[in-house]
Amino acid sequence: MTFEEATVKAIEFRNKRDWAQFHNPKDLAISLNLEAAELLEAFQWSGAELDVASNKDRMVDELADVTIYCIYLADALGIDLVDAVNNKIEINEERYPVDKAKGSAKKYTDL
């Protein structure tokens, strides 16, 4: 399934249940952050050596929830996520040229 197909499927799922009426940008942004926090919980108290395999199913579920809420928020705001990601990568390519950024964790303002 492509990302576009997954987007259509998520929107159809929501629309069949008449949930769009509850999906205003503020509440979707809150829900997105709550799901991201649940993803973060999978890493809590893991120490330096995280055993990803034991938490992978949970991580997959939570990452899917985060992505679905991103789809819903983008829909509510009239944003094409594929275009938004493409545009952001283009901006970051300028901010983080390979010759300066490769292997560095510095912010672009410090390169």
N, C-alpha and C. Protein backbone atom coordinates (compact mmCIF):
# COMPACT_ATOMS: atom_id res chain seq x y z
N MET A 1 0.84 -1.17 0.00
CA MET A 1 0.00 0.00 0.00
C MET A 1 0.90 1.24 0.00
N THR A 2 0.56 2.22 -0.81
CA THR A 2 1.30 3.47 -0.82
C THR A 2 0.82 4.38 0.30
N PHE A 3 1.58 5.43 0.56
CA PHE A 3 1.16 6.38 1.59
C PHE A 3 -0.17 7.03 1.19
N GLU A 4 -0.31 7.34 -0.08
CA GLU A 4 -1.57 7.95 -0.55
C GLU A 4 -2.75 7.01 -0.33
N GLU A 5 -2.55 5.71 -0.59
CA GLU A 5 -3.62 4.73 -0.36
C GLU A 5 -3.93 4.60 1.13
N ALA A 6 -2.90 4.63 1.96
CA ALA A 6 -3.12 4.57 3.40
C ALA A 6 -3.88 5.79 3.88
N THR A 7 -3.58 6.94 3.30
CA THR A 7 -4.29 8.17 3.66
C THR A 7 -5.77 8.05 3.33
N VAL A 8 -6.07 7.58 2.13
CA VAL A 8 -7.46 7.40 1.71
C VAL A 8 -8.16 6.43 2.65
N LYS A 9 -7.49 5.35 3.00
CA LYS A 9 -8.09 4.34 3.89
C LYS A 9 -8.37 4.92 5.28
N ALA A 10 -7.44 5.71 5.81
CA ALA A 10 -7.65 6.32 7.12
C ALA A 10 -8.81 7.32 7.10
N ILE A 11 -8.88 8.13 6.05
CA ILE A 11 -9.97 9.10 5.92
C ILE A 11 -11.31 8.39 5.77
N GLU A 12 -11.34 7.33 4.96
CA GLU A 12 -12.58 6.56 4.79
C GLU A 12 -13.02 5.93 6.11
N PHE A 13 -12.07 5.38 6.86
CA PHE A 13 -12.38 4.80 8.17
C PHE A 13 -13.05 5.85 9.06
N ARG A 14 -12.44 7.04 9.12
CA ARG A 14 -12.98 8.13 9.94
C ARG A 14 -14.36 8.55 9.45
N ASN A 15 -14.50 8.73 8.15
CA ASN A 15 -15.76 9.24 7.60
C ASN A 15 -16.92 8.26 7.77
N LYS A 16 -16.65 6.95 7.67
CA LYS A 16 -17.72 5.96 7.86
C LYS A 16 -18.29 6.02 9.27
N ARG A 17 -17.51 6.50 10.21
CA ARG A 17 -17.94 6.59 11.61
C ARG A 17 -18.40 7.99 11.99
N ASP A 18 -18.40 8.90 11.02
CA ASP A 18 -18.81 10.29 11.24
C ASP A 18 -18.01 10.96 12.35
N TRP A 19 -16.71 10.70 12.36
CA TRP A 19 -15.83 11.27 13.39
C TRP A 19 -15.21 12.60 12.98
N ALA A 20 -15.32 12.97 11.72
CA ALA A 20 -14.71 14.23 11.27
C ALA A 20 -15.24 15.41 12.08
N GLN A 21 -16.48 15.31 12.55
CA GLN A 21 -17.06 16.39 13.34
C GLN A 21 -16.29 16.66 14.63
N PHE A 22 -15.52 15.69 15.08
CA PHE A 22 -14.74 15.85 16.31
C PHE A 22 -13.28 16.23 16.02
N HIS A 23 -12.92 16.23 14.75
CA HIS A 23 -11.52 16.37 14.36
C HIS A 23 -11.16 17.80 13.97
N ASN A 24 -11.21 18.69 14.95
CA ASN A 24 -10.75 20.06 14.71
C ASN A 24 -9.24 20.09 14.94
N PRO A 25 -8.56 21.07 14.34
CA PRO A 25 -7.10 21.09 14.44
C PRO A 25 -6.55 21.06 15.88
N LYS A 26 -7.16 21.76 16.80
CA LYS A 26 -6.67 21.78 18.18
C LYS A 26 -6.73 20.39 18.80
N ASP A 27 -7.86 19.74 18.70
CA ASP A 27 -8.01 18.42 19.31
C ASP A 27 -7.14 17.37 18.61
N LEU A 28 -6.98 17.51 17.30
CA LEU A 28 -6.11 16.58 16.59
C LEU A 28 -4.65 16.77 16.99
N ALA A 29 -4.23 18.02 17.17
CA ALA A 29 -2.85 18.28 17.61
C ALA A 29 -2.63 17.71 19.01
N ILE A 30 -3.62 17.84 19.87
CA ILE A 30 -3.52 17.26 21.22
C ILE A 30 -3.42 15.74 21.12
N SER A 31 -4.30 15.13 20.34
CA SER A 31 -4.30 13.67 20.19
C SER A 31 -3.00 13.17 19.59
N LEU A 32 -2.48 13.90 18.61
CA LEU A 32 -1.19 13.54 18.01
C LEU A 32 -0.09 13.51 19.05
N ASN A 33 -0.07 14.50 19.91
CA ASN A 33 0.95 14.54 20.95
C ASN A 33 0.75 13.47 22.01
N LEU A 34 -0.48 13.15 22.33
CA LEU A 34 -0.74 12.07 23.29
C LEU A 34 -0.26 10.74 22.73
N GLU A 35 -0.52 10.50 21.44
CA GLU A 35 -0.05 9.25 20.82
C GLU A 35 1.46 9.23 20.75
N ALA A 36 2.08 10.37 20.46
CA ALA A 36 3.55 10.43 20.43
C ALA A 36 4.11 10.14 21.82
N ALA A 37 3.42 10.59 22.86
CA ALA A 37 3.86 10.29 24.23
C ALA A 37 3.74 8.79 24.52
N GLU A 38 2.71 8.15 23.99
CA GLU A 38 2.58 6.71 24.17
C GLU A 38 3.71 5.97 23.45
N LEU A 39 4.12 6.46 22.30
CA LEU A 39 5.27 5.89 21.61
C LEU A 39 6.52 6.06 22.47
N LEU A 40 6.67 7.21 23.05
CA LEU A 40 7.83 7.49 23.90
C LEU A 40 7.86 6.58 25.13
N GLU A 41 6.68 6.23 25.64
CA GLU A 41 6.61 5.33 26.79
C GLU A 41 7.28 3.99 26.52
N ALA A 42 7.27 3.57 25.26
CA ALA A 42 7.90 2.29 24.92
C ALA A 42 9.41 2.33 25.16
N PHE A 43 9.96 3.53 25.22
CA PHE A 43 11.40 3.69 25.44
C PHE A 43 11.74 4.04 26.89
N GLN A 44 10.74 4.41 27.67
CA GLN A 44 10.98 4.84 29.04
C GLN A 44 11.61 3.73 29.86
N TRP A 45 12.62 4.10 30.64
CA TRP A 45 13.34 3.20 31.55
C TRP A 45 14.08 2.10 30.82
N SER A 46 14.37 2.33 29.55
CA SER A 46 15.03 1.27 28.79
C SER A 46 16.54 1.27 28.98
N GLY A 47 17.08 2.34 29.52
CA GLY A 47 18.52 2.41 29.67
C GLY A 47 19.19 2.63 28.32
N ALA A 48 20.47 2.49 28.31
CA ALA A 48 21.24 2.75 27.09
C ALA A 48 21.03 1.67 26.04
N GLU A 49 20.78 0.45 26.46
CA GLU A 49 20.63 -0.67 25.53
C GLU A 49 19.16 -1.07 25.45
N LEU A 50 18.45 -0.50 24.52
CA LEU A 50 17.03 -0.80 24.37
C LEU A 50 16.85 -2.10 23.60
N ASP A 51 16.07 -2.98 24.17
CA ASP A 51 15.70 -4.21 23.49
C ASP A 51 14.47 -3.91 22.64
N VAL A 52 14.68 -3.44 21.43
CA VAL A 52 13.59 -3.03 20.56
C VAL A 52 12.65 -4.20 20.26
N ALA A 53 13.20 -5.38 20.10
CA ALA A 53 12.38 -6.54 19.72
C ALA A 53 11.24 -6.78 20.71
N SER A 54 11.50 -6.59 22.00
CA SER A 54 10.46 -6.88 22.99
C SER A 54 9.35 -5.84 22.99
N ASN A 55 9.61 -4.65 22.46
CA ASN A 55 8.61 -3.59 22.42
C ASN A 55 8.16 -3.24 21.00
N LYS A 56 8.64 -3.97 20.02
CA LYS A 56 8.41 -3.57 18.63
C LYS A 56 6.92 -3.53 18.27
N ASP A 57 6.14 -4.51 18.69
CA ASP A 57 4.71 -4.52 18.35
C ASP A 57 4.03 -3.26 18.90
N ARG A 58 4.36 -2.90 20.11
CA ARG A 58 3.79 -1.69 20.71
C ARG A 58 4.23 -0.45 19.94
N MET A 59 5.52 -0.42 19.57
CA MET A 59 6.05 0.72 18.81
C MET A 59 5.35 0.85 17.47
N VAL A 60 5.12 -0.27 16.81
CA VAL A 60 4.42 -0.26 15.51
C VAL A 60 3.03 0.33 15.68
N ASP A 61 2.29 -0.13 16.69
CA ASP A 61 0.94 0.37 16.93
C ASP A 61 0.92 1.86 17.22
N GLU A 62 1.82 2.29 18.08
CA GLU A 62 1.84 3.71 18.46
C GLU A 62 2.30 4.59 17.31
N LEU A 63 3.28 4.12 16.54
CA LEU A 63 3.72 4.89 15.38
C LEU A 63 2.59 4.99 14.35
N ALA A 64 1.82 3.93 14.19
CA ALA A 64 0.66 3.97 13.30
C ALA A 64 -0.35 5.00 13.79
N ASP A 65 -0.61 5.03 15.10
CA ASP A 65 -1.54 6.02 15.65
C ASP A 65 -1.05 7.45 15.39
N VAL A 66 0.24 7.69 15.59
CA VAL A 66 0.82 9.01 15.33
C VAL A 66 0.61 9.38 13.86
N THR A 67 0.88 8.44 12.97
CA THR A 67 0.76 8.71 11.54
C THR A 67 -0.69 8.99 11.16
N ILE A 68 -1.61 8.22 11.70
CA ILE A 68 -3.04 8.43 11.41
C ILE A 68 -3.48 9.81 11.87
N TYR A 69 -3.05 10.22 13.07
CA TYR A 69 -3.41 11.57 13.52
C TYR A 69 -2.76 12.65 12.67
N CYS A 70 -1.56 12.40 12.15
CA CYS A 70 -0.95 13.34 11.21
C CYS A 70 -1.80 13.46 9.95
N ILE A 71 -2.30 12.33 9.47
CA ILE A 71 -3.17 12.34 8.29
C ILE A 71 -4.43 13.14 8.57
N TYR A 72 -5.05 12.90 9.72
CA TYR A 72 -6.28 13.62 10.06
C TYR A 72 -6.04 15.11 10.22
N LEU A 73 -4.93 15.48 10.85
CA LEU A 73 -4.62 16.90 11.06
C LEU A 73 -4.33 17.57 9.72
N ALA A 74 -3.57 16.91 8.88
CA ALA A 74 -3.29 17.47 7.55
C ALA A 74 -4.59 17.66 6.77
N ASP A 75 -5.50 16.70 6.87
CA ASP A 75 -6.78 16.81 6.19
C ASP A 75 -7.57 18.01 6.72
N ALA A 76 -7.59 18.16 8.04
CA ALA A 76 -8.34 19.27 8.64
C ALA A 76 -7.76 20.63 8.24
N LEU A 77 -6.45 20.68 8.00
CA LEU A 77 -5.78 21.93 7.65
C LEU A 77 -5.63 22.12 6.14
N GLY A 78 -6.05 21.12 5.36
CA GLY A 78 -5.92 21.22 3.91
C GLY A 78 -4.49 21.13 3.43
N ILE A 79 -3.69 20.32 4.11
CA ILE A 79 -2.27 20.17 3.77
C ILE A 79 -2.06 18.82 3.11
N ASP A 80 -1.34 18.82 1.99
CA ASP A 80 -0.93 17.59 1.34
C ASP A 80 0.36 17.15 2.01
N LEU A 81 0.31 16.06 2.77
CA LEU A 81 1.48 15.62 3.54
C LEU A 81 2.66 15.25 2.66
N VAL A 82 2.43 14.64 1.53
CA VAL A 82 3.52 14.27 0.65
C VAL A 82 4.24 15.53 0.17
N ASP A 83 3.47 16.55 -0.23
CA ASP A 83 4.08 17.81 -0.65
C ASP A 83 4.81 18.47 0.52
N ALA A 84 4.21 18.44 1.70
CA ALA A 84 4.83 19.06 2.88
C ALA A 84 6.17 18.39 3.20
N VAL A 85 6.21 17.06 3.14
CA VAL A 85 7.45 16.34 3.42
C VAL A 85 8.50 16.66 2.35
N ASN A 86 8.08 16.66 1.11
CA ASN A 86 9.00 17.00 0.02
C ASN A 86 9.59 18.39 0.21
N ASN A 87 8.72 19.36 0.51
CA ASN A 87 9.18 20.74 0.70
C ASN A 87 10.14 20.84 1.88
N LYS A 88 9.84 20.15 2.96
CA LYS A 88 10.71 20.21 4.13
C LYS A 88 12.06 19.58 3.86
N ILE A 89 12.09 18.50 3.12
CA ILE A 89 13.36 17.88 2.76
C ILE A 89 14.19 18.83 1.90
N GLU A 90 13.54 19.52 0.97
CA GLU A 90 14.26 20.49 0.14
C GLU A 90 14.87 21.61 1.00
N ILE A 91 14.10 22.11 1.96
CA ILE A 91 14.62 23.13 2.88
C ILE A 91 15.79 22.59 3.67
N ASN A 92 15.65 21.36 4.18
CA ASN A 92 16.73 20.76 4.98
C ASN A 92 17.96 20.44 4.15
N GLU A 93 17.77 20.15 2.87
CA GLU A 93 18.93 19.93 2.00
C GLU A 93 19.77 21.20 1.90
N GLU A 94 19.11 22.35 1.88
CA GLU A 94 19.84 23.62 1.85
C GLU A 94 20.47 23.93 3.20
N ARG A 95 19.74 23.65 4.26
CA ARG A 95 20.24 23.94 5.61
C ARG A 95 21.38 23.02 6.03
N TYR A 96 21.31 21.79 5.56
CA TYR A 96 22.28 20.77 5.97
C TYR A 96 22.99 20.18 4.76
N PRO A 97 23.87 20.96 4.11
CA PRO A 97 24.60 20.39 2.98
C PRO A 97 25.48 19.23 3.44
N VAL A 98 25.56 18.21 2.63
CA VAL A 98 26.28 16.99 2.99
C VAL A 98 27.71 17.30 3.44
N ASP A 99 28.39 18.19 2.73
CA ASP A 99 29.79 18.46 3.05
C ASP A 99 29.97 19.09 4.43
N LYS A 100 28.91 19.71 4.97
CA LYS A 100 29.01 20.31 6.31
C LYS A 100 28.32 19.48 7.39
N ALA A 101 27.26 18.79 7.01
CA ALA A 101 26.41 18.14 8.01
C ALA A 101 26.68 16.65 8.21
N LYS A 102 27.35 16.02 7.28
CA LYS A 102 27.54 14.56 7.35
C LYS A 102 28.27 14.19 8.65
N GLY A 103 27.63 13.32 9.42
CA GLY A 103 28.22 12.84 10.66
C GLY A 103 28.13 13.82 11.81
N SER A 104 27.44 14.93 11.63
CA SER A 104 27.33 15.95 12.67
C SER A 104 25.90 16.05 13.19
N ALA A 105 25.76 16.27 14.48
CA ALA A 105 24.44 16.46 15.08
C ALA A 105 24.15 17.95 15.32
N LYS A 106 25.00 18.82 14.80
CA LYS A 106 24.82 20.25 15.00
C LYS A 106 23.60 20.76 14.25
N LYS A 107 22.96 21.78 14.84
CA LYS A 107 21.87 22.45 14.17
C LYS A 107 22.44 23.26 13.01
N TYR A 108 21.61 23.47 11.99
CA TYR A 108 22.10 24.15 10.79
C TYR A 108 22.68 25.53 11.09
N THR A 109 22.20 26.19 12.12
CA THR A 109 22.72 27.52 12.47
C THR A 109 24.13 27.44 13.03
N ASP A 110 24.57 26.23 13.42
CA ASP A 110 25.91 26.06 14.00
C ASP A 110 26.88 25.39 13.04
N LEU A 111 26.45 25.07 11.84
CA LEU A 111 27.34 24.41 10.89
C LEU A 111 28.30 25.41 10.25
